[in-house]
Amino acid sequence: MSDLRDELDRYLAIRRALGFKLTRTGLLLADFCHYLDAIGADTITTENAIAWATLPPNGASSWWGQRLSVVRAFARHLHAIDPVHEVPPGGLLPARSHRAVPYLYSDAEVAALMAAARQLRSPLRAATFETLVGLLAVTGLRIGEALRLDRDDVDSDAGVLRIRKTKFGKSREVPLHPSTLDALVAYAHRRDELCPQPQHLSFFVSVAGTRVLYGNAHLAWLDLVRRAGLKPRSATCRPRPHDLRHSFAVRTLLGWYRDGADVGAHLPLLSTYLGHVHPANTYWYLSAAPELLGLVAARLNAAAEGQR
């Protein structure tokens, strides 16, 4: 079994070197190796892969499918080294992906969230979350990227944000509109007045002077949504922080289509700005809004008419 665990370490190291974090995958595969050890198996078979994947017995079928897909990828790696390992066929436990429907915020809803933040009892907390909401709305940053900003990541001279430790381990610079930069500088002055001796040099600080934790930011977000009166549009379309990123991307694409821009040529720029590893991840936004789909269809129809 030690050989299998050594191979797991190598497998994870290779994939992480390519930019994948694989935090959950690493935990699941370590548990799978422990399971194989417990049943005395030193190779992967379809039978023992399914037996592990369908734990717990009362688990959701989608969760079983995800567990099996993790093992399948590892088994494929091992099979290339030693064919004694079986690769479970696809489709045995389909992992149905229930991707949330983006909640596309209107300008009025963003303004309502920022107004709700101003009502928070703590002046520092109010300034922090008002600025955070505004920054996410106008830059499309992931909330984790914003919370990980340090003070020297906000370059007021160059007018950019330096984004480090991104989802895929890459860094990038995000240009800022002058009005956005002014808002960040104003927040920094207010933050330093209210918290002159912070515990951390993070840009956004908590009332304790520490970096704002994601879990606390999420709880604060739920409070802001309630205060702003925002309601879910369906069971799968709820106002989440990440949807400010979706809204930014869709708003950018809508502007390009309305201006008659060459969207195909511009999409790689948006992909780079958002920090997507593959442009295909940006193309997903083309289906995120009915209005956007209508503009795409209209352009396709115009192109078809021109070819007749």
C-alpha atoms as a PDB file:
ATOM      1  CA  MET A   1       0.000   0.000   0.000  1.00  0.00           C
ATOM      2  CA  SER A   2       2.942   2.317   0.552  1.00  0.00           C
ATOM      3  CA  ASP A   3       3.624   2.162  -3.205  1.00  0.00           C
ATOM      4  CA  LEU A   4       0.062   3.311  -3.925  1.00  0.00           C
ATOM      5  CA  ARG A   5       0.368   6.190  -1.463  1.00  0.00           C
ATOM      6  CA  ASP A   6       3.693   7.174  -3.045  1.00  0.00           C
ATOM      7  CA  GLU A   7       2.009   7.204  -6.446  1.00  0.00           C
ATOM      8  CA  LEU A   8      -0.786   9.328  -5.026  1.00  0.00           C
ATOM      9  CA  ASP A   9       1.761  11.881  -3.781  1.00  0.00           C
ATOM     10  CA  ARG A  10       3.389  11.978  -7.231  1.00  0.00           C
ATOM     11  CA  TYR A  11       0.012  12.248  -8.980  1.00  0.00           C
ATOM     12  CA  LEU A  12      -1.066  15.184  -6.823  1.00  0.00           C
ATOM     13  CA  ALA A  13       2.327  16.890  -7.193  1.00  0.00           C
ATOM     14  CA  ILE A  14       2.139  16.660 -10.998  1.00  0.00           C
ATOM     15  CA  ARG A  15      -1.374  18.065 -11.202  1.00  0.00           C
ATOM     16  CA  ARG A  16      -0.687  20.807  -8.670  1.00  0.00           C
ATOM     17  CA  ALA A  17       2.348  21.842 -10.689  1.00  0.00           C
ATOM     18  CA  LEU A  18      -0.106  22.474 -13.526  1.00  0.00           C
ATOM     19  CA  GLY A  19      -2.035  24.930 -11.365  1.00  0.00           C
ATOM     20  CA  PHE A  20      -4.718  22.733  -9.771  1.00  0.00           C
ATOM     21  CA  LYS A  21      -5.153  23.042  -5.995  1.00  0.00           C
ATOM     22  CA  LEU A  22      -6.908  19.673  -5.561  1.00  0.00           C
ATOM     23  CA  THR A  23      -7.591  20.201  -1.859  1.00  0.00           C
ATOM     24  CA  ARG A  24     -10.753  18.076  -1.827  1.00  0.00           C
ATOM     25  CA  THR A  25      -9.332  15.618  -4.353  1.00  0.00           C
ATOM     26  CA  GLY A  26      -6.282  15.023  -2.165  1.00  0.00           C
ATOM     27  CA  LEU A  27      -8.452  14.323   0.879  1.00  0.00           C
ATOM     28  CA  LEU A  28     -10.761  11.991  -1.039  1.00  0.00           C
ATOM     29  CA  LEU A  29      -7.960   9.986  -2.617  1.00  0.00           C
ATOM     30  CA  ALA A  30      -6.150   9.685   0.720  1.00  0.00           C
ATOM     31  CA  ASP A  31      -9.378   8.270   2.149  1.00  0.00           C
ATOM     32  CA  PHE A  32      -9.673   5.906  -0.835  1.00  0.00           C
ATOM     33  CA  CYS A  33      -6.126   4.624  -0.243  1.00  0.00           C
ATOM     34  CA  HIS A  34      -6.998   4.107   3.426  1.00  0.00           C
ATOM     35  CA  TYR A  35     -10.071   2.136   2.323  1.00  0.00           C
ATOM     36  CA  LEU A  36      -7.994  -0.078   0.029  1.00  0.00           C
ATOM     37  CA  ASP A  37      -5.567  -0.686   2.867  1.00  0.00           C
ATOM     38  CA  ALA A  38      -8.433  -1.682   5.165  1.00  0.00           C
ATOM     39  CA  ILE A  39      -9.757  -4.279   2.697  1.00  0.00           C
ATOM     40  CA  GLY A  40      -6.265  -5.560   1.862  1.00  0.00           C
ATOM     41  CA  ALA A  41      -6.237  -4.394  -1.771  1.00  0.00           C
ATOM     42  CA  ASP A  42      -3.138  -3.007  -3.468  1.00  0.00           C
ATOM     43  CA  THR A  43      -4.633  -2.317  -6.891  1.00  0.00           C
ATOM     44  CA  ILE A  44      -7.621  -0.338  -8.119  1.00  0.00           C
ATOM     45  CA  THR A  45     -10.501  -2.336  -9.559  1.00  0.00           C
ATOM     46  CA  THR A  46     -13.879  -1.191 -10.768  1.00  0.00           C
ATOM     47  CA  GLU A  47     -15.448  -3.181  -7.941  1.00  0.00           C
ATOM     48  CA  ASN A  48     -13.519  -1.611  -5.078  1.00  0.00           C
ATOM     49  CA  ALA A  49     -13.734   1.854  -6.659  1.00  0.00           C
ATOM     50  CA  ILE A  50     -17.547   1.651  -6.773  1.00  0.00           C
ATOM     51  CA  ALA A  51     -17.706   0.163  -3.274  1.00  0.00           C
ATOM     52  CA  TRP A  52     -15.787   3.153  -1.885  1.00  0.00           C
ATOM     53  CA  ALA A  53     -17.514   5.752  -4.067  1.00  0.00           C
ATOM     54  CA  THR A  54     -20.981   4.715  -2.861  1.00  0.00           C
ATOM     55  CA  LEU A  55     -20.153   5.509   0.753  1.00  0.00           C
ATOM     56  CA  PRO A  56     -22.051   6.489   2.751  1.00  0.00           C
ATOM     57  CA  PRO A  57     -24.914   4.222   1.652  1.00  0.00           C
ATOM     58  CA  ASN A  58     -27.462   7.014   2.098  1.00  0.00           C
ATOM     59  CA  GLY A  59     -25.380   9.574   0.189  1.00  0.00           C
ATOM     60  CA  ALA A  60     -26.644  11.539  -2.790  1.00  0.00           C
ATOM     61  CA  SER A  61     -26.081   9.944  -6.184  1.00  0.00           C
ATOM     62  CA  SER A  62     -24.375  13.106  -7.414  1.00  0.00           C
ATOM     63  CA  TRP A  63     -21.883  12.875  -4.533  1.00  0.00           C
ATOM     64  CA  TRP A  64     -21.217   9.210  -5.350  1.00  0.00           C
ATOM     65  CA  GLY A  65     -20.578  10.191  -8.950  1.00  0.00           C
ATOM     66  CA  GLN A  66     -18.111  12.889  -7.936  1.00  0.00           C
ATOM     67  CA  ARG A  67     -16.227  10.458  -5.704  1.00  0.00           C
ATOM     68  CA  LEU A  68     -15.963   7.917  -8.505  1.00  0.00           C
ATOM     69  CA  SER A  69     -14.783  10.547 -10.992  1.00  0.00           C
ATOM     70  CA  VAL A  70     -11.915  11.434  -8.637  1.00  0.00           C
ATOM     71  CA  VAL A  71     -10.865   7.779  -8.437  1.00  0.00           C
ATOM     72  CA  ARG A  72     -11.238   7.352 -12.215  1.00  0.00           C
ATOM     73  CA  ALA A  73      -8.753  10.132 -12.918  1.00  0.00           C
ATOM     74  CA  PHE A  74      -6.244   8.651 -10.462  1.00  0.00           C
ATOM     75  CA  ALA A  75      -6.789   5.158 -11.868  1.00  0.00           C
ATOM     76  CA  ARG A  76      -6.149   6.434 -15.392  1.00  0.00           C
ATOM     77  CA  HIS A  77      -2.824   7.817 -14.204  1.00  0.00           C
ATOM     78  CA  LEU A  78      -1.889   4.519 -12.532  1.00  0.00           C
ATOM     79  CA  HIS A  79      -3.044   2.411 -15.492  1.00  0.00           C
ATOM     80  CA  ALA A  80      -0.562   4.229 -17.735  1.00  0.00           C
ATOM     81  CA  ILE A  81       2.205   3.139 -15.353  1.00  0.00           C
ATOM     82  CA  ASP A  82       0.924  -0.360 -14.591  1.00  0.00           C
ATOM     83  CA  PRO A  83      -2.038  -1.855 -16.512  1.00  0.00           C
ATOM     84  CA  VAL A  84      -2.921  -4.005 -13.501  1.00  0.00           C
ATOM     85  CA  HIS A  85      -4.982  -1.047 -12.268  1.00  0.00           C
ATOM     86  CA  GLU A  86      -8.470  -0.902 -13.767  1.00  0.00           C
ATOM     87  CA  VAL A  87     -10.044   2.344 -14.925  1.00  0.00           C
ATOM     88  CA  PRO A  88     -13.757   2.342 -13.991  1.00  0.00           C
ATOM     89  CA  PRO A  89     -15.867   3.046 -17.094  1.00  0.00           C
ATOM     90  CA  GLY A  90     -17.563   6.407 -17.345  1.00  0.00           C
ATOM     91  CA  GLY A  91     -21.289   6.674 -16.724  1.00  0.00           C
ATOM     92  CA  LEU A  92     -21.484   4.099 -13.927  1.00  0.00           C
ATOM     93  CA  LEU A  93     -22.350   6.749 -11.357  1.00  0.00           C
ATOM     94  CA  PRO A  94     -22.978   9.918 -13.344  1.00  0.00           C
ATOM     95  CA  ALA A  95     -22.061  13.038 -11.410  1.00  0.00           C
ATOM     96  CA  ARG A  96     -24.829  15.441 -12.279  1.00  0.00           C
ATOM     97  CA  SER A  97     -23.611  19.002 -12.081  1.00  0.00           C
ATOM     98  CA  HIS A  98     -26.242  21.395 -10.765  1.00  0.00           C
ATOM     99  CA  ARG A  99     -24.580  24.678 -11.615  1.00  0.00           C
ATOM    100  CA  ALA A 100     -26.233  27.622  -9.941  1.00  0.00           C
ATOM    101  CA  VAL A 101     -28.065  30.042 -12.188  1.00  0.00           C
ATOM    102  CA  PRO A 102     -26.225  33.388 -12.017  1.00  0.00           C
ATOM    103  CA  TYR A 103     -28.048  36.108 -10.132  1.00  0.00           C
ATOM    104  CA  LEU A 104     -27.321  39.053 -12.419  1.00  0.00           C
ATOM    105  CA  TYR A 105     -27.377  42.204 -10.305  1.00  0.00           C
ATOM    106  CA  SER A 106     -28.824  45.426 -11.615  1.00  0.00           C
ATOM    107  CA  ASP A 107     -27.061  48.706 -10.858  1.00  0.00           C
ATOM    108  CA  ALA A 108     -29.865  49.505  -8.415  1.00  0.00           C
ATOM    109  CA  GLU A 109     -29.330  46.231  -6.544  1.00  0.00           C
ATOM    110  CA  VAL A 110     -25.587  46.859  -6.237  1.00  0.00           C
ATOM    111  CA  ALA A 111     -26.360  50.336  -4.912  1.00  0.00           C
ATOM    112  CA  ALA A 112     -28.827  48.804  -2.428  1.00  0.00           C
ATOM    113  CA  LEU A 113     -26.157  46.400  -1.136  1.00  0.00           C
ATOM    114  CA  MET A 114     -23.684  49.249  -0.679  1.00  0.00           C
ATOM    115  CA  ALA A 115     -26.332  51.321   1.086  1.00  0.00           C
ATOM    116  CA  ALA A 116     -27.063  48.367   3.377  1.00  0.00           C
ATOM    117  CA  ALA A 117     -23.357  48.148   4.202  1.00  0.00           C
ATOM    118  CA  ARG A 118     -23.360  51.803   5.256  1.00  0.00           C
ATOM    119  CA  GLN A 119     -26.034  50.954   7.824  1.00  0.00           C
ATOM    120  CA  LEU A 120     -23.808  48.479   9.696  1.00  0.00           C
ATOM    121  CA  ARG A 121     -23.214  49.505  13.290  1.00  0.00           C
ATOM    122  CA  SER A 122     -19.408  49.451  13.201  1.00  0.00           C
ATOM    123  CA  PRO A 123     -17.993  52.337  11.092  1.00  0.00           C
ATOM    124  CA  LEU A 124     -14.996  50.210  10.087  1.00  0.00           C
ATOM    125  CA  ARG A 125     -17.159  47.240   9.145  1.00  0.00           C
ATOM    126  CA  ALA A 126     -19.476  49.548   7.205  1.00  0.00           C
ATOM    127  CA  ALA A 127     -16.616  51.098   5.236  1.00  0.00           C
ATOM    128  CA  THR A 128     -15.020  47.709   4.585  1.00  0.00           C
ATOM    129  CA  PHE A 129     -18.096  46.015   3.174  1.00  0.00           C
ATOM    130  CA  GLU A 130     -19.334  49.012   1.216  1.00  0.00           C
ATOM    131  CA  THR A 131     -15.947  49.201  -0.522  1.00  0.00           C
ATOM    132  CA  LEU A 132     -15.711  45.432  -0.969  1.00  0.00           C
ATOM    133  CA  VAL A 133     -19.122  45.219  -2.669  1.00  0.00           C
ATOM    134  CA  GLY A 134     -18.270  48.122  -4.958  1.00  0.00           C
ATOM    135  CA  LEU A 135     -14.894  46.651  -5.888  1.00  0.00           C
ATOM    136  CA  LEU A 136     -16.361  43.246  -6.749  1.00  0.00           C
ATOM    137  CA  ALA A 137     -19.071  44.862  -8.866  1.00  0.00           C
ATOM    138  CA  VAL A 138     -16.743  46.988 -11.018  1.00  0.00           C
ATOM    139  CA  THR A 139     -13.791  44.604 -11.386  1.00  0.00           C
ATOM    140  CA  GLY A 140     -15.275  41.100 -11.444  1.00  0.00           C
ATOM    141  CA  LEU A 141     -12.732  39.892  -8.885  1.00  0.00           C
ATOM    142  CA  ARG A 142     -13.357  36.659  -7.043  1.00  0.00           C
ATOM    143  CA  ILE A 143     -14.199  37.509  -3.436  1.00  0.00           C
ATOM    144  CA  GLY A 144     -11.242  35.436  -2.254  1.00  0.00           C
ATOM    145  CA  GLU A 145      -8.927  37.494  -4.446  1.00  0.00           C
ATOM    146  CA  ALA A 146     -10.252  40.720  -2.947  1.00  0.00           C
ATOM    147  CA  LEU A 147      -9.928  39.469   0.635  1.00  0.00           C
ATOM    148  CA  ARG A 148      -6.341  38.339  -0.006  1.00  0.00           C
ATOM    149  CA  LEU A 149      -5.255  41.808  -1.157  1.00  0.00           C
ATOM    150  CA  ASP A 150      -2.458  43.313   0.899  1.00  0.00           C
ATOM    151  CA  ARG A 151      -1.900  47.054   1.124  1.00  0.00           C
ATOM    152  CA  ASP A 152       0.955  47.104  -1.354  1.00  0.00           C
ATOM    153  CA  ASP A 153      -1.193  45.189  -3.863  1.00  0.00           C
ATOM    154  CA  VAL A 154      -3.161  48.390  -4.433  1.00  0.00           C
ATOM    155  CA  ASP A 155      -0.802  50.454  -6.601  1.00  0.00           C
ATOM    156  CA  SER A 156      -2.305  53.939  -6.711  1.00  0.00           C
ATOM    157  CA  ASP A 157       0.566  55.280  -8.835  1.00  0.00           C
ATOM    158  CA  ALA A 158       0.149  52.687 -11.598  1.00  0.00           C
ATOM    159  CA  GLY A 159      -3.627  52.482 -11.100  1.00  0.00           C
ATOM    160  CA  VAL A 160      -3.705  48.678 -10.840  1.00  0.00           C
ATOM    161  CA  LEU A 161      -4.438  45.882  -8.419  1.00  0.00           C
ATOM    162  CA  ARG A 162      -1.889  43.104  -8.139  1.00  0.00           C
ATOM    163  CA  ILE A 163      -3.756  39.839  -7.732  1.00  0.00           C
ATOM    164  CA  ARG A 164      -1.710  37.068  -6.150  1.00  0.00           C
ATOM    165  CA  LYS A 165      -2.503  33.477  -5.128  1.00  0.00           C
ATOM    166  CA  THR A 166      -5.366  33.155  -7.602  1.00  0.00           C
ATOM    167  CA  LYS A 167      -7.575  30.116  -8.108  1.00  0.00           C
ATOM    168  CA  PHE A 168      -5.007  28.472 -10.399  1.00  0.00           C
ATOM    169  CA  GLY A 169      -1.856  29.808  -8.764  1.00  0.00           C
ATOM    170  CA  LYS A 170      -1.340  32.580 -11.319  1.00  0.00           C
ATOM    171  CA  SER A 171      -0.885  36.303 -10.740  1.00  0.00           C
ATOM    172  CA  ARG A 172      -2.190  39.207 -12.794  1.00  0.00           C
ATOM    173  CA  GLU A 173      -2.627  42.969 -12.720  1.00  0.00           C
ATOM    174  CA  VAL A 174      -6.110  44.470 -12.922  1.00  0.00           C
ATOM    175  CA  PRO A 175      -6.332  48.062 -14.262  1.00  0.00           C
ATOM    176  CA  LEU A 176      -8.639  50.319 -12.277  1.00  0.00           C
ATOM    177  CA  HIS A 177     -10.910  53.131 -13.383  1.00  0.00           C
ATOM    178  CA  PRO A 178      -9.903  56.415 -11.697  1.00  0.00           C
ATOM    179  CA  SER A 179     -13.185  56.505  -9.768  1.00  0.00           C
ATOM    180  CA  THR A 180     -12.526  53.004  -8.415  1.00  0.00           C
ATOM    181  CA  LEU A 181      -9.011  53.965  -7.411  1.00  0.00           C
ATOM    182  CA  ASP A 182     -10.360  57.070  -5.649  1.00  0.00           C
ATOM    183  CA  ALA A 183     -12.799  54.893  -3.691  1.00  0.00           C
ATOM    184  CA  LEU A 184     -10.031  52.506  -2.624  1.00  0.00           C
ATOM    185  CA  VAL A 185      -7.777  55.372  -1.536  1.00  0.00           C
ATOM    186  CA  ALA A 186     -10.662  56.918   0.430  1.00  0.00           C
ATOM    187  CA  TYR A 187     -11.305  53.571   2.134  1.00  0.00           C
ATOM    188  CA  ALA A 188      -7.617  53.204   2.999  1.00  0.00           C
ATOM    189  CA  HIS A 189      -7.626  56.617   4.713  1.00  0.00           C
ATOM    190  CA  ARG A 190     -10.831  55.813   6.615  1.00  0.00           C
ATOM    191  CA  ARG A 191      -9.516  52.354   7.577  1.00  0.00           C
ATOM    192  CA  ASP A 192      -6.302  53.819   8.973  1.00  0.00           C
ATOM    193  CA  GLU A 193      -8.251  56.399  10.979  1.00  0.00           C
ATOM    194  CA  LEU A 194     -10.489  53.742  12.515  1.00  0.00           C
ATOM    195  CA  CYS A 195      -7.797  51.077  12.904  1.00  0.00           C
ATOM    196  CA  PRO A 196      -4.413  52.809  13.333  1.00  0.00           C
ATOM    197  CA  GLN A 197      -2.704  49.665  14.699  1.00  0.00           C
ATOM    198  CA  PRO A 198      -3.875  46.722  12.583  1.00  0.00           C
ATOM    199  CA  GLN A 199      -2.855  43.145  13.342  1.00  0.00           C
ATOM    200  CA  HIS A 200      -2.223  42.458   9.656  1.00  0.00           C
ATOM    201  CA  LEU A 201      -1.237  44.452   6.574  1.00  0.00           C
ATOM    202  CA  SER A 202      -4.234  43.213   4.593  1.00  0.00           C
ATOM    203  CA  PHE A 203      -6.065  45.857   2.573  1.00  0.00           C
ATOM    204  CA  PHE A 204      -9.521  44.964   3.892  1.00  0.00           C
ATOM    205  CA  VAL A 205      -9.531  44.624   7.677  1.00  0.00           C
ATOM    206  CA  SER A 206     -11.983  43.324  10.231  1.00  0.00           C
ATOM    207  CA  VAL A 207     -13.028  45.192  13.359  1.00  0.00           C
ATOM    208  CA  ALA A 208     -10.234  43.278  15.134  1.00  0.00           C
ATOM    209  CA  GLY A 209      -7.647  44.658  12.720  1.00  0.00           C
ATOM    210  CA  THR A 210      -7.104  41.269  11.067  1.00  0.00           C
ATOM    211  CA  ARG A 211      -7.715  40.064   7.520  1.00  0.00           C
ATOM    212  CA  VAL A 212     -11.409  39.520   6.786  1.00  0.00           C
ATOM    213  CA  LEU A 213     -12.051  35.774   6.702  1.00  0.00           C
ATOM    214  CA  TYR A 214     -14.133  34.308   3.892  1.00  0.00           C
ATOM    215  CA  GLY A 215     -16.579  32.673   6.305  1.00  0.00           C
ATOM    216  CA  ASN A 216     -17.210  35.959   8.096  1.00  0.00           C
ATOM    217  CA  ALA A 217     -17.543  37.780   4.767  1.00  0.00           C
ATOM    218  CA  HIS A 218     -20.155  35.244   3.660  1.00  0.00           C
ATOM    219  CA  LEU A 219     -22.196  35.761   6.836  1.00  0.00           C
ATOM    220  CA  ALA A 220     -21.964  39.517   6.367  1.00  0.00           C
ATOM    221  CA  TRP A 221     -23.107  39.084   2.757  1.00  0.00           C
ATOM    222  CA  LEU A 222     -26.246  37.235   3.855  1.00  0.00           C
ATOM    223  CA  ASP A 223     -26.997  40.106   6.234  1.00  0.00           C
ATOM    224  CA  LEU A 224     -26.510  42.695   3.470  1.00  0.00           C
ATOM    225  CA  VAL A 225     -28.788  40.757   1.117  1.00  0.00           C
ATOM    226  CA  ARG A 226     -31.478  40.709   3.800  1.00  0.00           C
ATOM    227  CA  ARG A 227     -31.082  44.412   4.575  1.00  0.00           C
ATOM    228  CA  ALA A 228     -31.176  45.297   0.854  1.00  0.00           C
ATOM    229  CA  GLY A 229     -34.364  43.268   0.357  1.00  0.00           C
ATOM    230  CA  LEU A 230     -32.933  41.036  -2.375  1.00  0.00           C
ATOM    231  CA  LYS A 231     -34.834  37.789  -2.920  1.00  0.00           C
ATOM    232  CA  PRO A 232     -33.938  34.538  -4.710  1.00  0.00           C
ATOM    233  CA  ARG A 233     -35.314  34.406  -8.247  1.00  0.00           C
ATOM    234  CA  SER A 234     -35.602  30.612  -8.052  1.00  0.00           C
ATOM    235  CA  ALA A 235     -34.309  27.703  -5.989  1.00  0.00           C
ATOM    236  CA  THR A 236     -31.079  27.754  -8.013  1.00  0.00           C
ATOM    237  CA  CYS A 237     -30.757  31.527  -8.492  1.00  0.00           C
ATOM    238  CA  ARG A 238     -29.829  33.227  -5.246  1.00  0.00           C
ATOM    239  CA  PRO A 239     -27.841  36.449  -4.723  1.00  0.00           C
ATOM    240  CA  ARG A 240     -24.265  35.288  -4.006  1.00  0.00           C
ATOM    241  CA  PRO A 241     -21.036  37.324  -3.840  1.00  0.00           C
ATOM    242  CA  HIS A 242     -19.651  35.398  -6.837  1.00  0.00           C
ATOM    243  CA  ASP A 243     -22.578  36.577  -8.941  1.00  0.00           C
ATOM    244  CA  LEU A 244     -21.108  40.083  -8.934  1.00  0.00           C
ATOM    245  CA  ARG A 245     -18.348  38.523 -11.046  1.00  0.00           C
ATOM    246  CA  HIS A 246     -20.941  36.985 -13.384  1.00  0.00           C
ATOM    247  CA  SER A 247     -22.723  40.327 -13.606  1.00  0.00           C
ATOM    248  CA  PHE A 248     -19.515  42.157 -14.488  1.00  0.00           C
ATOM    249  CA  ALA A 249     -18.706  39.679 -17.275  1.00  0.00           C
ATOM    250  CA  VAL A 250     -22.204  39.755 -18.748  1.00  0.00           C
ATOM    251  CA  ARG A 251     -22.362  43.556 -18.566  1.00  0.00           C
ATOM    252  CA  THR A 252     -19.012  43.769 -20.386  1.00  0.00           C
ATOM    253  CA  LEU A 253     -20.172  41.394 -23.129  1.00  0.00           C
ATOM    254  CA  LEU A 254     -23.459  43.248 -23.519  1.00  0.00           C
ATOM    255  CA  GLY A 255     -21.569  46.497 -23.991  1.00  0.00           C
ATOM    256  CA  TRP A 256     -19.372  44.969 -26.694  1.00  0.00           C
ATOM    257  CA  TYR A 257     -22.326  43.554 -28.609  1.00  0.00           C
ATOM    258  CA  ARG A 258     -24.246  46.828 -28.432  1.00  0.00           C
ATOM    259  CA  ASP A 259     -21.183  48.733 -29.643  1.00  0.00           C
ATOM    260  CA  GLY A 260     -20.716  46.356 -32.557  1.00  0.00           C
ATOM    261  CA  ALA A 261     -17.297  45.216 -31.326  1.00  0.00           C
ATOM    262  CA  ASP A 262     -15.575  42.037 -32.496  1.00  0.00           C
ATOM    263  CA  VAL A 263     -16.521  39.992 -29.439  1.00  0.00           C
ATOM    264  CA  GLY A 264     -14.503  36.956 -30.540  1.00  0.00           C
ATOM    265  CA  ALA A 265     -11.355  39.071 -30.645  1.00  0.00           C
ATOM    266  CA  HIS A 266     -12.144  40.745 -27.315  1.00  0.00           C
ATOM    267  CA  LEU A 267     -13.015  37.615 -25.338  1.00  0.00           C
ATOM    268  CA  PRO A 268      -9.387  36.591 -24.697  1.00  0.00           C
ATOM    269  CA  LEU A 269      -8.861  40.033 -23.143  1.00  0.00           C
ATOM    270  CA  LEU A 270     -11.815  39.512 -20.811  1.00  0.00           C
ATOM    271  CA  SER A 271     -10.561  36.002 -20.044  1.00  0.00           C
ATOM    272  CA  THR A 272      -7.157  37.381 -19.032  1.00  0.00           C
ATOM    273  CA  TYR A 273      -8.727  40.201 -17.004  1.00  0.00           C
ATOM    274  CA  LEU A 274     -10.908  37.731 -15.078  1.00  0.00           C
ATOM    275  CA  GLY A 275      -8.021  35.346 -14.505  1.00  0.00           C
ATOM    276  CA  HIS A 276      -9.513  32.422 -16.417  1.00  0.00           C
ATOM    277  CA  VAL A 277      -7.020  29.725 -17.376  1.00  0.00           C
ATOM    278  CA  HIS A 278      -8.978  28.765 -20.491  1.00  0.00           C
ATOM    279  CA  PRO A 279     -11.008  31.154 -22.710  1.00  0.00           C
ATOM    280  CA  ALA A 280     -13.717  28.465 -22.810  1.00  0.00           C
ATOM    281  CA  ASN A 281     -14.509  29.383 -19.193  1.00  0.00           C
ATOM    282  CA  THR A 282     -15.321  32.901 -20.375  1.00  0.00           C
ATOM    283  CA  TYR A 283     -17.481  31.692 -23.255  1.00  0.00           C
ATOM    284  CA  TRP A 284     -19.843  30.223 -20.668  1.00  0.00           C
ATOM    285  CA  TYR A 285     -21.062  33.748 -19.921  1.00  0.00           C
ATOM    286  CA  LEU A 286     -22.562  33.926 -23.412  1.00  0.00           C
ATOM    287  CA  SER A 287     -25.422  31.758 -22.157  1.00  0.00           C
ATOM    288  CA  ALA A 288     -25.820  33.500 -18.807  1.00  0.00           C
ATOM    289  CA  ALA A 289     -28.393  36.145 -19.793  1.00  0.00           C
ATOM    290  CA  PRO A 290     -31.374  36.043 -22.185  1.00  0.00           C
ATOM    291  CA  GLU A 291     -30.597  39.565 -23.423  1.00  0.00           C
ATOM    292  CA  LEU A 292     -27.064  38.509 -24.270  1.00  0.00           C
ATOM    293  CA  LEU A 293     -28.303  35.440 -26.113  1.00  0.00           C
ATOM    294  CA  GLY A 294     -30.668  37.661 -28.064  1.00  0.00           C
ATOM    295  CA  LEU A 295     -27.823  39.914 -29.175  1.00  0.00           C
ATOM    296  CA  VAL A 296     -25.743  36.898 -30.190  1.00  0.00           C
ATOM    297  CA  ALA A 297     -28.662  35.514 -32.218  1.00  0.00           C
ATOM    298  CA  ALA A 298     -29.283  38.873 -33.873  1.00  0.00           C
ATOM    299  CA  ARG A 299     -25.652  39.131 -34.938  1.00  0.00           C
ATOM    300  CA  LEU A 300     -25.690  35.582 -36.303  1.00  0.00           C
ATOM    301  CA  ASN A 301     -28.872  36.297 -38.246  1.00  0.00           C
ATOM    302  CA  ALA A 302     -27.351  39.481 -39.691  1.00  0.00           C
ATOM    303  CA  ALA A 303     -24.264  37.544 -40.750  1.00  0.00           C
ATOM    304  CA  ALA A 304     -26.407  34.867 -42.385  1.00  0.00           C
ATOM    305  CA  GLU A 305     -28.434  37.488 -44.245  1.00  0.00           C
ATOM    306  CA  GLY A 306     -25.239  39.074 -45.506  1.00  0.00           C
ATOM    307  CA  GLN A 307     -24.088  35.768 -47.001  1.00  0.00           C
ATOM    308  CA  ARG A 308     -27.239  35.302 -49.076  1.00  0.00           C
END
